[in-house]
Amino acid sequence: LKIELLHALVKFDRFEWSIEKSTELGASRITPLAAARTDKPLV
């Protein structure tokens, strides 16, 4: 099972925690998303 995670950008400490945990859970690809409601400074 390969999981491609399309993950909207959030505050970097939370986003980085998500990278860590999704990697442990087997994500094969992580694509940060610059969504319409993502804070522009984060993008």
Full PDB file with SEQRES, HELIX, SHEET, SSBOND, CRYST1, ORIGX, SCALE, CONECT and MASTER records, all heavy atoms in Angstrom:
SEQRES   1 A   43  LEU LYS ILE GLU LEU LEU HIS ALA LEU VAL LYS PHE ASP          
SEQRES   2 A   43  ARG PHE GLU TRP SER ILE GLU LYS SER THR GLU LEU GLY          
SEQRES   3 A   43  ALA SER ARG ILE THR PRO LEU ALA ALA ALA ARG THR ASP          
SEQRES   4 A   43  LYS PRO LEU VAL                                              
HELIX    1 AA1 PHE A   12  GLU A   24  1                                  13    
SHEET    1 AA1 2 ILE A   3  ALA A   8  0                                        
SHEET    2 AA1 2 ALA A  27  LEU A  33  1                                        
CRYST1    1.000    1.000    1.000  90.00  90.00  90.00 P 1           1          
ORIGX1      1.000000  0.000000  0.000000        0.00000                         
ORIGX2      0.000000  1.000000  0.000000        0.00000                         
ORIGX3      0.000000  0.000000  1.000000        0.00000                         
SCALE1      1.000000  0.000000  0.000000        0.00000                         
SCALE2      0.000000  1.000000  0.000000        0.00000                         
SCALE3      0.000000  0.000000  1.000000        0.00000                         
ATOM      1  N   LEU A   1       0.846  -1.197   0.000  1.00  0.00           N  
ATOM      2  CA  LEU A   1       0.000   0.000   0.000  1.00  0.00           C  
ATOM      3  C   LEU A   1       0.878   1.242   0.000  1.00  0.00           C  
ATOM      4  O   LEU A   1       1.694   1.430   0.899  1.00  0.00           O  
ATOM      5  CB  LEU A   1      -0.918   0.015   1.228  1.00  0.00           C  
ATOM      6  CG  LEU A   1      -1.756   1.280   1.419  1.00  0.00           C  
ATOM      7  CD1 LEU A   1      -2.764   1.439   0.286  1.00  0.00           C  
ATOM      8  CD2 LEU A   1      -2.474   1.255   2.764  1.00  0.00           C  
ATOM      9  N   LYS A   2       0.731   2.060  -1.009  1.00  0.00           N  
ATOM     10  CA  LYS A   2       1.435   3.335  -1.076  1.00  0.00           C  
ATOM     11  C   LYS A   2       0.409   4.448  -0.891  1.00  0.00           C  
ATOM     12  O   LYS A   2      -0.649   4.417  -1.518  1.00  0.00           O  
ATOM     13  CB  LYS A   2       2.156   3.489  -2.416  1.00  0.00           C  
ATOM     14  CG  LYS A   2       3.254   2.455  -2.635  1.00  0.00           C  
ATOM     15  CD  LYS A   2       4.009   2.740  -3.909  1.00  0.00           C  
ATOM     16  CE  LYS A   2       5.034   1.688  -4.232  1.00  0.00           C  
ATOM     17  NZ  LYS A   2       5.978   1.376  -3.222  1.00  0.00           N  
ATOM     18  N   ILE A   3       0.741   5.387  -0.025  1.00  0.00           N  
ATOM     19  CA  ILE A   3      -0.157   6.511   0.225  1.00  0.00           C  
ATOM     20  C   ILE A   3       0.535   7.794  -0.197  1.00  0.00           C  
ATOM     21  O   ILE A   3       1.599   8.135   0.324  1.00  0.00           O  
ATOM     22  CB  ILE A   3      -0.582   6.589   1.703  1.00  0.00           C  
ATOM     23  CG1 ILE A   3      -1.311   5.313   2.118  1.00  0.00           C  
ATOM     24  CG2 ILE A   3      -1.470   7.814   1.941  1.00  0.00           C  
ATOM     25  CD1 ILE A   3      -1.673   5.245   3.588  1.00  0.00           C  
ATOM     26  N   GLU A   4      -0.068   8.474  -1.168  1.00  0.00           N  
ATOM     27  CA  GLU A   4       0.402   9.793  -1.583  1.00  0.00           C  
ATOM     28  C   GLU A   4      -0.406  10.821  -0.789  1.00  0.00           C  
ATOM     29  O   GLU A   4      -1.614  10.938  -0.969  1.00  0.00           O  
ATOM     30  CB  GLU A   4       0.198   9.992  -3.079  1.00  0.00           C  
ATOM     31  CG  GLU A   4       1.036   9.059  -3.925  1.00  0.00           C  
ATOM     32  CD  GLU A   4       0.818   9.239  -5.413  1.00  0.00           C  
ATOM     33  OE1 GLU A   4      -0.068  10.038  -5.808  1.00  0.00           O  
ATOM     34  OE2 GLU A   4       1.536   8.581  -6.178  1.00  0.00           O  
ATOM     35  N   LEU A   5       0.277  11.521   0.094  1.00  0.00           N  
ATOM     36  CA  LEU A   5      -0.381  12.483   0.971  1.00  0.00           C  
ATOM     37  C   LEU A   5      -0.301  13.874   0.366  1.00  0.00           C  
ATOM     38  O   LEU A   5       0.781  14.416   0.173  1.00  0.00           O  
ATOM     39  CB  LEU A   5       0.284  12.458   2.352  1.00  0.00           C  
ATOM     40  CG  LEU A   5      -0.262  13.423   3.392  1.00  0.00           C  
ATOM     41  CD1 LEU A   5      -1.726  13.108   3.719  1.00  0.00           C  
ATOM     42  CD2 LEU A   5       0.590  13.376   4.653  1.00  0.00           C  
ATOM     43  N   LEU A   6      -1.458  14.419   0.033  1.00  0.00           N  
ATOM     44  CA  LEU A   6      -1.564  15.796  -0.439  1.00  0.00           C  
ATOM     45  C   LEU A   6      -2.013  16.617   0.759  1.00  0.00           C  
ATOM     46  O   LEU A   6      -3.171  16.537   1.175  1.00  0.00           O  
ATOM     47  CB  LEU A   6      -2.578  15.909  -1.589  1.00  0.00           C  
ATOM     48  CG  LEU A   6      -2.141  15.382  -2.954  1.00  0.00           C  
ATOM     49  CD1 LEU A   6      -1.870  13.891  -2.949  1.00  0.00           C  
ATOM     50  CD2 LEU A   6      -3.185  15.706  -3.998  1.00  0.00           C  
ATOM     51  N   HIS A   7      -1.087  17.350   1.344  1.00  0.00           N  
ATOM     52  CA  HIS A   7      -1.262  17.927   2.674  1.00  0.00           C  
ATOM     53  C   HIS A   7      -1.188  19.444   2.593  1.00  0.00           C  
ATOM     54  O   HIS A   7      -0.145  20.007   2.253  1.00  0.00           O  
ATOM     55  CB  HIS A   7      -0.142  17.376   3.564  1.00  0.00           C  
ATOM     56  CG  HIS A   7      -0.222  17.708   5.011  1.00  0.00           C  
ATOM     57  ND1 HIS A   7      -0.682  18.901   5.504  1.00  0.00           N  
ATOM     58  CD2 HIS A   7       0.132  16.986   6.092  1.00  0.00           C  
ATOM     59  CE1 HIS A   7      -0.609  18.900   6.820  1.00  0.00           C  
ATOM     60  NE2 HIS A   7      -0.108  17.740   7.199  1.00  0.00           N  
ATOM     61  N   ALA A   8      -2.287  20.129   2.914  1.00  0.00           N  
ATOM     62  CA  ALA A   8      -2.285  21.591   2.916  1.00  0.00           C  
ATOM     63  C   ALA A   8      -1.297  22.103   3.961  1.00  0.00           C  
ATOM     64  O   ALA A   8      -1.177  21.549   5.053  1.00  0.00           O  
ATOM     65  CB  ALA A   8      -3.683  22.124   3.208  1.00  0.00           C  
ATOM     66  N   LEU A   9      -0.587  23.146   3.589  1.00  0.00           N  
ATOM     67  CA  LEU A   9       0.360  23.751   4.520  1.00  0.00           C  
ATOM     68  C   LEU A   9      -0.377  24.319   5.733  1.00  0.00           C  
ATOM     69  O   LEU A   9      -1.414  24.968   5.588  1.00  0.00           O  
ATOM     70  CB  LEU A   9       1.138  24.873   3.822  1.00  0.00           C  
ATOM     71  CG  LEU A   9       2.193  24.414   2.823  1.00  0.00           C  
ATOM     72  CD1 LEU A   9       2.618  25.570   1.934  1.00  0.00           C  
ATOM     73  CD2 LEU A   9       3.382  23.812   3.545  1.00  0.00           C  
ATOM     74  N   VAL A  10       0.181  24.043   6.897  1.00  0.00           N  
ATOM     75  CA  VAL A  10      -0.294  24.606   8.164  1.00  0.00           C  
ATOM     76  C   VAL A  10       0.940  25.117   8.893  1.00  0.00           C  
ATOM     77  O   VAL A  10       2.055  25.039   8.371  1.00  0.00           O  
ATOM     78  CB  VAL A  10      -1.060  23.553   9.012  1.00  0.00           C  
ATOM     79  CG1 VAL A  10      -2.374  23.175   8.356  1.00  0.00           C  
ATOM     80  CG2 VAL A  10      -0.213  22.319   9.266  1.00  0.00           C  
ATOM     81  N   LYS A  11       0.780  25.617  10.103  1.00  0.00           N  
ATOM     82  CA  LYS A  11       1.933  26.107  10.858  1.00  0.00           C  
ATOM     83  C   LYS A  11       3.038  25.060  10.818  1.00  0.00           C  
ATOM     84  O   LYS A  11       2.787  23.868  10.960  1.00  0.00           O  
ATOM     85  CB  LYS A  11       1.525  26.407  12.296  1.00  0.00           C  
ATOM     86  CG  LYS A  11       0.591  27.592  12.401  1.00  0.00           C  
ATOM     87  CD  LYS A  11       0.162  27.836  13.824  1.00  0.00           C  
ATOM     88  CE  LYS A  11      -0.841  28.968  13.870  1.00  0.00           C  
ATOM     89  NZ  LYS A  11      -1.417  29.156  15.208  1.00  0.00           N  
ATOM     90  N   PHE A  12       4.268  25.523  10.624  1.00  0.00           N  
ATOM     91  CA  PHE A  12       5.353  24.607  10.320  1.00  0.00           C  
ATOM     92  C   PHE A  12       5.622  23.563  11.401  1.00  0.00           C  
ATOM     93  O   PHE A  12       5.986  22.439  11.082  1.00  0.00           O  
ATOM     94  CB  PHE A  12       6.630  25.378   9.986  1.00  0.00           C  
ATOM     95  CG  PHE A  12       6.570  26.063   8.646  1.00  0.00           C  
ATOM     96  CD1 PHE A  12       7.163  27.290   8.460  1.00  0.00           C  
ATOM     97  CD2 PHE A  12       5.914  25.481   7.569  1.00  0.00           C  
ATOM     98  CE1 PHE A  12       7.117  27.925   7.230  1.00  0.00           C  
ATOM     99  CE2 PHE A  12       5.851  26.107   6.333  1.00  0.00           C  
ATOM    100  CZ  PHE A  12       6.460  27.328   6.168  1.00  0.00           C  
ATOM    101  N   ASP A  13       5.430  23.893  12.673  1.00  0.00           N  
ATOM    102  CA  ASP A  13       5.665  22.860  13.698  1.00  0.00           C  
ATOM    103  C   ASP A  13       4.663  21.716  13.532  1.00  0.00           C  
ATOM    104  O   ASP A  13       5.020  20.538  13.648  1.00  0.00           O  
ATOM    105  CB  ASP A  13       5.613  23.449  15.113  1.00  0.00           C  
ATOM    106  CG  ASP A  13       4.291  24.118  15.455  1.00  0.00           C  
ATOM    107  OD1 ASP A  13       3.560  24.567  14.536  1.00  0.00           O  
ATOM    108  OD2 ASP A  13       3.976  24.202  16.653  1.00  0.00           O  
ATOM    109  N   ARG A  14       3.432  22.034  13.193  1.00  0.00           N  
ATOM    110  CA  ARG A  14       2.416  20.996  12.975  1.00  0.00           C  
ATOM    111  C   ARG A  14       2.651  20.253  11.664  1.00  0.00           C  
ATOM    112  O   ARG A  14       2.467  19.042  11.585  1.00  0.00           O  
ATOM    113  CB  ARG A  14       1.020  21.613  12.979  1.00  0.00           C  
ATOM    114  CG  ARG A  14       0.633  22.169  14.331  1.00  0.00           C  
ATOM    115  CD  ARG A  14      -0.734  22.789  14.278  1.00  0.00           C  
ATOM    116  NE  ARG A  14      -1.087  23.351  15.567  1.00  0.00           N  
ATOM    117  CZ  ARG A  14      -2.144  24.104  15.765  1.00  0.00           C  
ATOM    118  NH1 ARG A  14      -2.971  24.369  14.778  1.00  0.00           N  
ATOM    119  NH2 ARG A  14      -2.407  24.572  16.966  1.00  0.00           N  
ATOM    120  N   PHE A  15       3.049  20.987  10.641  1.00  0.00           N  
ATOM    121  CA  PHE A  15       3.303  20.358   9.345  1.00  0.00           C  
ATOM    122  C   PHE A  15       4.467  19.377   9.456  1.00  0.00           C  
ATOM    123  O   PHE A  15       4.420  18.265   8.930  1.00  0.00           O  
ATOM    124  CB  PHE A  15       3.579  21.423   8.281  1.00  0.00           C  
ATOM    125  CG  PHE A  15       3.624  20.876   6.892  1.00  0.00           C  
ATOM    126  CD1 PHE A  15       2.454  20.586   6.208  1.00  0.00           C  
ATOM    127  CD2 PHE A  15       4.836  20.635   6.256  1.00  0.00           C  
ATOM    128  CE1 PHE A  15       2.479  20.059   4.918  1.00  0.00           C  
ATOM    129  CE2 PHE A  15       4.874  20.116   4.974  1.00  0.00           C  
ATOM    130  CZ  PHE A  15       3.694  19.827   4.301  1.00  0.00           C  
ATOM    131  N   GLU A  16       5.505  19.782  10.166  1.00  0.00           N  
ATOM    132  CA  GLU A  16       6.670  18.914  10.326  1.00  0.00           C  
ATOM    133  C   GLU A  16       6.343  17.691  11.173  1.00  0.00           C  
ATOM    134  O   GLU A  16       6.851  16.599  10.916  1.00  0.00           O  
ATOM    135  CB  GLU A  16       7.835  19.726  10.900  1.00  0.00           C  
ATOM    136  CG  GLU A  16       8.349  20.725   9.867  1.00  0.00           C  
ATOM    137  CD  GLU A  16       9.330  21.743  10.403  1.00  0.00           C  
ATOM    138  OE1 GLU A  16       9.658  21.719  11.608  1.00  0.00           O  
ATOM    139  OE2 GLU A  16       9.787  22.589   9.583  1.00  0.00           O  
ATOM    140  N   TRP A  17       5.485  17.842  12.154  1.00  0.00           N  
ATOM    141  CA  TRP A  17       5.027  16.693  12.931  1.00  0.00           C  
ATOM    142  C   TRP A  17       4.271  15.732  12.017  1.00  0.00           C  
ATOM    143  O   TRP A  17       4.443  14.519  12.104  1.00  0.00           O  
ATOM    144  CB  TRP A  17       4.143  17.176  14.081  1.00  0.00           C  
ATOM    145  CG  TRP A  17       3.763  16.120  15.060  1.00  0.00           C  
ATOM    146  CD1 TRP A  17       4.449  15.745  16.175  1.00  0.00           C  
ATOM    147  CD2 TRP A  17       2.574  15.307  15.025  1.00  0.00           C  
ATOM    148  NE1 TRP A  17       3.768  14.740  16.830  1.00  0.00           N  
ATOM    149  CE2 TRP A  17       2.620  14.452  16.154  1.00  0.00           C  
ATOM    150  CE3 TRP A  17       1.487  15.217  14.155  1.00  0.00           C  
ATOM    151  CZ2 TRP A  17       1.619  13.534  16.424  1.00  0.00           C  
ATOM    152  CZ3 TRP A  17       0.498  14.293  14.432  1.00  0.00           C  
ATOM    153  CH2 TRP A  17       0.565  13.464  15.552  1.00  0.00           C  
ATOM    154  N   SER A  18       3.469  16.283  11.117  1.00  0.00           N  
ATOM    155  CA  SER A  18       2.732  15.455  10.163  1.00  0.00           C  
ATOM    156  C   SER A  18       3.674  14.706   9.226  1.00  0.00           C  
ATOM    157  O   SER A  18       3.435  13.540   8.895  1.00  0.00           O  
ATOM    158  CB  SER A  18       1.783  16.312   9.314  1.00  0.00           C  
ATOM    159  OG  SER A  18       0.728  16.809  10.082  1.00  0.00           O  
ATOM    160  N   ILE A  19       4.743  15.356   8.791  1.00  0.00           N  
ATOM    161  CA  ILE A  19       5.727  14.679   7.941  1.00  0.00           C  
ATOM    162  C   ILE A  19       6.318  13.491   8.684  1.00  0.00           C  
ATOM    163  O   ILE A  19       6.412  12.382   8.145  1.00  0.00           O  
ATOM    164  CB  ILE A  19       6.846  15.651   7.504  1.00  0.00           C  
ATOM    165  CG1 ILE A  19       6.298  16.688   6.535  1.00  0.00           C  
ATOM    166  CG2 ILE A  19       8.026  14.892   6.880  1.00  0.00           C  
ATOM    167  CD1 ILE A  19       7.275  17.797   6.200  1.00  0.00           C  
ATOM    168  N   GLU A  20       6.695  13.720   9.929  1.00  0.00           N  
ATOM    169  CA  GLU A  20       7.285  12.650  10.741  1.00  0.00           C  
ATOM    170  C   GLU A  20       6.327  11.470  10.878  1.00  0.00           C  
ATOM    171  O   GLU A  20       6.684  10.317  10.618  1.00  0.00           O  
ATOM    172  CB  GLU A  20       7.649  13.214  12.120  1.00  0.00           C  
ATOM    173  CG  GLU A  20       8.266  12.224  13.055  1.00  0.00           C  
ATOM    174  CD  GLU A  20       8.577  12.858  14.404  1.00  0.00           C  
ATOM    175  OE1 GLU A  20       9.405  13.796  14.442  1.00  0.00           O  
ATOM    176  OE2 GLU A  20       7.977  12.427  15.413  1.00  0.00           O  
ATOM    177  N   LYS A  21       5.108  11.741  11.278  1.00  0.00           N  
ATOM    178  CA  LYS A  21       4.151  10.655  11.540  1.00  0.00           C  
ATOM    179  C   LYS A  21       3.667   9.991  10.255  1.00  0.00           C  
ATOM    180  O   LYS A  21       3.495   8.770  10.213  1.00  0.00           O  
ATOM    181  CB  LYS A  21       2.953  11.170  12.358  1.00  0.00           C  
ATOM    182  CG  LYS A  21       3.332  11.754  13.704  1.00  0.00           C  
ATOM    183  CD  LYS A  21       4.259  10.854  14.490  1.00  0.00           C  
ATOM    184  CE  LYS A  21       4.748  11.515  15.764  1.00  0.00           C  
ATOM    185  NZ  LYS A  21       5.882  10.803  16.373  1.00  0.00           N  
ATOM    186  N   SER A  22       3.443  10.764   9.202  1.00  0.00           N  
ATOM    187  CA  SER A  22       2.992  10.142   7.958  1.00  0.00           C  
ATOM    188  C   SER A  22       4.102   9.284   7.351  1.00  0.00           C  
ATOM    189  O   SER A  22       3.821   8.262   6.713  1.00  0.00           O  
ATOM    190  CB  SER A  22       2.493  11.194   6.966  1.00  0.00           C  
ATOM    191  OG  SER A  22       3.522  12.087   6.604  1.00  0.00           O  
ATOM    192  N   THR A  23       5.352   9.668   7.560  1.00  0.00           N  
ATOM    193  CA  THR A  23       6.466   8.827   7.111  1.00  0.00           C  
ATOM    194  C   THR A  23       6.462   7.509   7.873  1.00  0.00           C  
ATOM    195  O   THR A  23       6.599   6.434   7.279  1.00  0.00           O  
ATOM    196  CB  THR A  23       7.813   9.552   7.306  1.00  0.00           C  
ATOM    197  OG1 THR A  23       7.817  10.745   6.506  1.00  0.00           O  
ATOM    198  CG2 THR A  23       8.979   8.671   6.912  1.00  0.00           C  
ATOM    199  N   GLU A  24       6.283   7.566   9.177  1.00  0.00           N  
ATOM    200  CA  GLU A  24       6.211   6.340   9.987  1.00  0.00           C  
ATOM    201  C   GLU A  24       5.049   5.451   9.543  1.00  0.00           C  
ATOM    202  O   GLU A  24       5.147   4.226   9.590  1.00  0.00           O  
ATOM    203  CB  GLU A  24       6.068   6.687  11.467  1.00  0.00           C  
ATOM    204  CG  GLU A  24       7.309   7.313  12.075  1.00  0.00           C  
ATOM    205  CD  GLU A  24       7.088   7.749  13.509  1.00  0.00           C  
ATOM    206  OE1 GLU A  24       6.194   7.192  14.192  1.00  0.00           O  
ATOM    207  OE2 GLU A  24       7.802   8.661  13.967  1.00  0.00           O  
ATOM    208  N   LEU A  25       3.964   6.072   9.102  1.00  0.00           N  
ATOM    209  CA  LEU A  25       2.781   5.319   8.678  1.00  0.00           C  
ATOM    210  C   LEU A  25       2.847   4.893   7.210  1.00  0.00           C  
ATOM    211  O   LEU A  25       1.905   4.290   6.708  1.00  0.00           O  
ATOM    212  CB  LEU A  25       1.510   6.144   8.937  1.00  0.00           C  
ATOM    213  CG  LEU A  25       1.099   6.233  10.398  1.00  0.00           C  
ATOM    214  CD1 LEU A  25       0.061   7.339  10.610  1.00  0.00           C  
ATOM    215  CD2 LEU A  25       0.550   4.898  10.883  1.00  0.00           C  
ATOM    216  N   GLY A  26       3.950   5.194   6.539  1.00  0.00           N  
ATOM    217  CA  GLY A  26       4.156   4.642   5.212  1.00  0.00           C  
ATOM    218  C   GLY A  26       3.853   5.535   4.028  1.00  0.00           C  
ATOM    219  O   GLY A  26       3.729   5.038   2.908  1.00  0.00           O  
ATOM    220  N   ALA A  27       3.751   6.850   4.221  1.00  0.00           N  
ATOM    221  CA  ALA A  27       3.518   7.731   3.066  1.00  0.00           C  
ATOM    222  C   ALA A  27       4.644   7.542   2.056  1.00  0.00           C  
ATOM    223  O   ALA A  27       5.820   7.495   2.419  1.00  0.00           O  
ATOM    224  CB  ALA A  27       3.453   9.191   3.507  1.00  0.00           C  
ATOM    225  N   SER A  28       4.292   7.413   0.790  1.00  0.00           N  
ATOM    226  CA  SER A  28       5.310   7.264  -0.250  1.00  0.00           C  
ATOM    227  C   SER A  28       5.667   8.611  -0.885  1.00  0.00           C  
ATOM    228  O   SER A  28       6.750   8.775  -1.436  1.00  0.00           O  
ATOM    229  CB  SER A  28       4.823   6.300  -1.333  1.00  0.00           C  
ATOM    230  OG  SER A  28       3.634   6.782  -1.927  1.00  0.00           O  
ATOM    231  N   ARG A  29       4.756   9.562  -0.792  1.00  0.00           N  
ATOM    232  CA  ARG A  29       4.979  10.893  -1.349  1.00  0.00           C  
ATOM    233  C   ARG A  29       4.193  11.884  -0.500  1.00  0.00           C  
ATOM    234  O   ARG A  29       3.068  11.590  -0.086  1.00  0.00           O  
ATOM    235  CB  ARG A  29       4.525  10.935  -2.819  1.00  0.00           C  
ATOM    236  CG  ARG A  29       4.449  12.308  -3.411  1.00  0.00           C  
ATOM    237  CD  ARG A  29       4.141  12.282  -4.914  1.00  0.00           C  
ATOM    238  NE  ARG A  29       5.294  12.834  -5.586  1.00  0.00           N  
ATOM    239  CZ  ARG A  29       6.200  12.158  -6.268  1.00  0.00           C  
ATOM    240  NH1 ARG A  29       6.078  10.856  -6.403  1.00  0.00           N  
ATOM    241  NH2 ARG A  29       7.217  12.764  -6.829  1.00  0.00           N  
ATOM    242  N   ILE A  30       4.783  13.036  -0.246  1.00  0.00           N  
ATOM    243  CA  ILE A  30       4.101  14.108   0.485  1.00  0.00           C  
ATOM    244  C   ILE A  30       4.158  15.356  -0.387  1.00  0.00           C  
ATOM    245  O   ILE A  30       5.234  15.817  -0.761  1.00  0.00           O  
ATOM    246  CB  ILE A  30       4.747  14.370   1.857  1.00  0.00           C  
ATOM    247  CG1 ILE A  30       4.707  13.103   2.720  1.00  0.00           C  
ATOM    248  CG2 ILE A  30       4.056  15.539   2.557  1.00  0.00           C  
ATOM    249  CD1 ILE A  30       5.504  13.191   4.013  1.00  0.00           C  
ATOM    250  N   THR A  31       2.986  15.865  -0.723  1.00  0.00           N  
ATOM    251  CA  THR A  31       2.890  17.057  -1.558  1.00  0.00           C  
ATOM    252  C   THR A  31       2.275  18.186  -0.740  1.00  0.00           C  
ATOM    253  O   THR A  31       1.090  18.130  -0.407  1.00  0.00           O  
ATOM    254  CB  THR A  31       2.016  16.793  -2.804  1.00  0.00           C  
ATOM    255  OG1 THR A  31       2.560  15.678  -3.524  1.00  0.00           O  
ATOM    256  CG2 THR A  31       1.972  18.006  -3.706  1.00  0.00           C  
ATOM    257  N   PRO A  32       3.072  19.199  -0.372  1.00  0.00           N  
ATOM    258  CA  PRO A  32       2.512  20.349   0.349  1.00  0.00           C  
ATOM    259  C   PRO A  32       1.609  21.158  -0.582  1.00  0.00           C  
ATOM    260  O   PRO A  32       1.974  21.418  -1.732  1.00  0.00           O  
ATOM    261  CB  PRO A  32       3.749  21.168   0.752  1.00  0.00           C  
ATOM    262  CG  PRO A  32       4.917  20.247   0.575  1.00  0.00           C  
ATOM    263  CD  PRO A  32       4.526  19.296  -0.517  1.00  0.00           C  
ATOM    264  N   LEU A  33       0.439  21.507  -0.077  1.00  0.00           N  
ATOM    265  CA  LEU A  33      -0.534  22.245  -0.885  1.00  0.00           C  
ATOM    266  C   LEU A  33      -0.657  23.691  -0.412  1.00  0.00           C  
ATOM    267  O   LEU A  33      -0.856  23.945   0.773  1.00  0.00           O  
ATOM    268  CB  LEU A  33      -1.902  21.569  -0.805  1.00  0.00           C  
ATOM    269  CG  LEU A  33      -1.996  20.118  -1.257  1.00  0.00           C  
ATOM    270  CD1 LEU A  33      -3.414  19.603  -1.086  1.00  0.00           C  
ATOM    271  CD2 LEU A  33      -1.518  19.960  -2.695  1.00  0.00           C  
ATOM    272  N   ALA A  34      -0.571  24.602  -1.348  1.00  0.00           N  
ATOM    273  CA  ALA A  34      -0.810  26.014  -1.074  1.00  0.00           C  
ATOM    274  C   ALA A  34      -2.285  26.278  -1.354  1.00  0.00           C  
ATOM    275  O   ALA A  34      -2.660  26.779  -2.409  1.00  0.00           O  
ATOM    276  CB  ALA A  34       0.083  26.886  -1.947  1.00  0.00           C  
ATOM    277  N   ALA A  35      -3.130  25.893  -0.400  1.00  0.00           N  
ATOM    278  CA  ALA A  35      -4.577  26.002  -0.571  1.00  0.00           C  
ATOM    279  C   ALA A  35      -5.028  27.461  -0.438  1.00  0.00           C  
ATOM    280  O   ALA A  35      -4.290  28.313   0.064  1.00  0.00           O  
ATOM    281  CB  ALA A  35      -5.286  25.128   0.466  1.00  0.00           C  
ATOM    282  N   ALA A  36      -6.241  27.716  -0.859  1.00  0.00           N  
ATOM    283  CA  ALA A  36      -6.776  29.083  -0.815  1.00  0.00           C  
ATOM    284  C   ALA A  36      -6.800  29.634   0.609  1.00  0.00           C  
ATOM    285  O   ALA A  36      -6.574  30.828   0.816  1.00  0.00           O  
ATOM    286  CB  ALA A  36      -8.172  29.113  -1.425  1.00  0.00           C  
ATOM    287  N   ARG A  37      -7.058  28.776   1.593  1.00  0.00           N  
ATOM    288  CA  ARG A  37      -7.144  29.236   2.982  1.00  0.00           C  
ATOM    289  C   ARG A  37      -5.841  29.035   3.762  1.00  0.00           C  
ATOM    290  O   ARG A  37      -5.817  29.221   4.971  1.00  0.00           O  
ATOM    291  CB  ARG A  37      -8.306  28.532   3.678  1.00  0.00           C  
ATOM    292  CG  ARG A  37      -9.643  28.978   3.110  1.00  0.00           C  
ATOM    293  CD  ARG A  37     -10.826  28.394   3.843  1.00  0.00           C  
ATOM    294  NE  ARG A  37     -12.048  28.962   3.301  1.00  0.00           N  
ATOM    295  CZ  ARG A  37     -13.160  28.268   3.072  1.00  0.00           C  
ATOM    296  NH1 ARG A  37     -13.211  26.972   3.358  1.00  0.00           N  
ATOM    297  NH2 ARG A  37     -14.222  28.855   2.585  1.00  0.00           N  
ATOM    298  N   THR A  38      -4.771  28.676   3.067  1.00  0.00           N  
ATOM    299  CA  THR A  38      -3.460  28.590   3.714  1.00  0.00           C  
ATOM    300  C   THR A  38      -2.936  30.003   3.926  1.00  0.00           C  
ATOM    301  O   THR A  38      -3.053  30.847   3.033  1.00  0.00           O  
ATOM    302  CB  THR A  38      -2.468  27.801   2.831  1.00  0.00           C  
ATOM    303  OG1 THR A  38      -2.954  26.479   2.647  1.00  0.00           O  
ATOM    304  CG2 THR A  38      -1.093  27.737   3.472  1.00  0.00           C  
ATOM    305  N   ASP A  39      -2.367  30.255   5.095  1.00  0.00           N  
ATOM    306  CA  ASP A  39      -1.787  31.575   5.353  1.00  0.00           C  
ATOM    307  C   ASP A  39      -0.712  31.877   4.327  1.00  0.00           C  
ATOM    308  O   ASP A  39       0.187  31.066   4.089  1.00  0.00           O  
ATOM    309  CB  ASP A  39      -1.172  31.632   6.764  1.00  0.00           C  
ATOM    310  CG  ASP A  39      -2.220  31.661   7.862  1.00  0.00           C  
ATOM    311  OD1 ASP A  39      -3.378  32.004   7.571  1.00  0.00           O  
ATOM    312  OD2 ASP A  39      -1.878  31.339   9.015  1.00  0.00           O  
ATOM    313  N   LYS A  40      -0.786  33.040   3.721  1.00  0.00           N  
ATOM    314  CA  LYS A  40       0.153  33.412   2.659  1.00  0.00           C  
ATOM    315  C   LYS A  40       1.608  33.448   3.123  1.00  0.00           C  
ATOM    316  O   LYS A  40       2.500  33.053   2.364  1.00  0.00           O  
ATOM    317  CB  LYS A  40      -0.241  34.765   2.028  1.00  0.00           C  
ATOM    318  CG  LYS A  40      -1.636  34.760   1.405  1.00  0.00           C  
ATOM    319  CD  LYS A  40      -1.860  33.577   0.472  1.00  0.00           C  
ATOM    320  CE  LYS A  40      -3.293  33.489   0.002  1.00  0.00           C  
ATOM    321  NZ  LYS A  40      -3.830  32.147   0.013  1.00  0.00           N  
ATOM    322  N   PRO A  41       1.928  33.902   4.354  1.00  0.00           N  
ATOM    323  CA  PRO A  41       3.331  33.852   4.792  1.00  0.00           C  
ATOM    324  C   PRO A  41       3.882  32.420   4.844  1.00  0.00           C  
ATOM    325  O   PRO A  41       5.061  32.203   4.585  1.00  0.00           O  
ATOM    326  CB  PRO A  41       3.304  34.475   6.191  1.00  0.00           C  
ATOM    327  CG  PRO A  41       2.097  35.347   6.200  1.00  0.00           C  
ATOM    328  CD  PRO A  41       1.099  34.651   5.316  1.00  0.00           C  
ATOM    329  N   LEU A  42       3.027  31.439   5.138  1.00  0.00           N  
ATOM    330  CA  LEU A  42       3.474  30.043   5.134  1.00  0.00           C  
ATOM    331  C   LEU A  42       3.845  29.604   3.727  1.00  0.00           C  
ATOM    332  O   LEU A  42       4.855  28.929   3.526  1.00  0.00           O  
ATOM    333  CB  LEU A  42       2.386  29.121   5.690  1.00  0.00           C  
ATOM    334  CG  LEU A  42       2.070  29.206   7.177  1.00  0.00           C  
ATOM    335  CD1 LEU A  42       0.898  28.288   7.515  1.00  0.00           C  
ATOM    336  CD2 LEU A  42       3.279  28.837   8.008  1.00  0.00           C  
ATOM    337  N   VAL A  43       3.030  29.989   2.767  1.00  0.00           N  
ATOM    338  CA  VAL A  43       3.299  29.628   1.376  1.00  0.00           C  
ATOM    339  C   VAL A  43       4.620  30.248   0.940  1.00  0.00           C  
ATOM    340  O   VAL A  43       5.464  29.585   0.314  1.00  0.00           O  
ATOM    341  CB  VAL A  43       2.150  30.070   0.450  1.00  0.00           C  
ATOM    342  CG1 VAL A  43       2.491  29.794  -1.006  1.00  0.00           C  
ATOM    343  CG2 VAL A  43       0.847  29.382   0.839  1.00  0.00           C  
TER     344      VAL A  43                                                      
MASTER        0    0    0    1    2    0    0    6  343    1    0    4          
END                                                                             
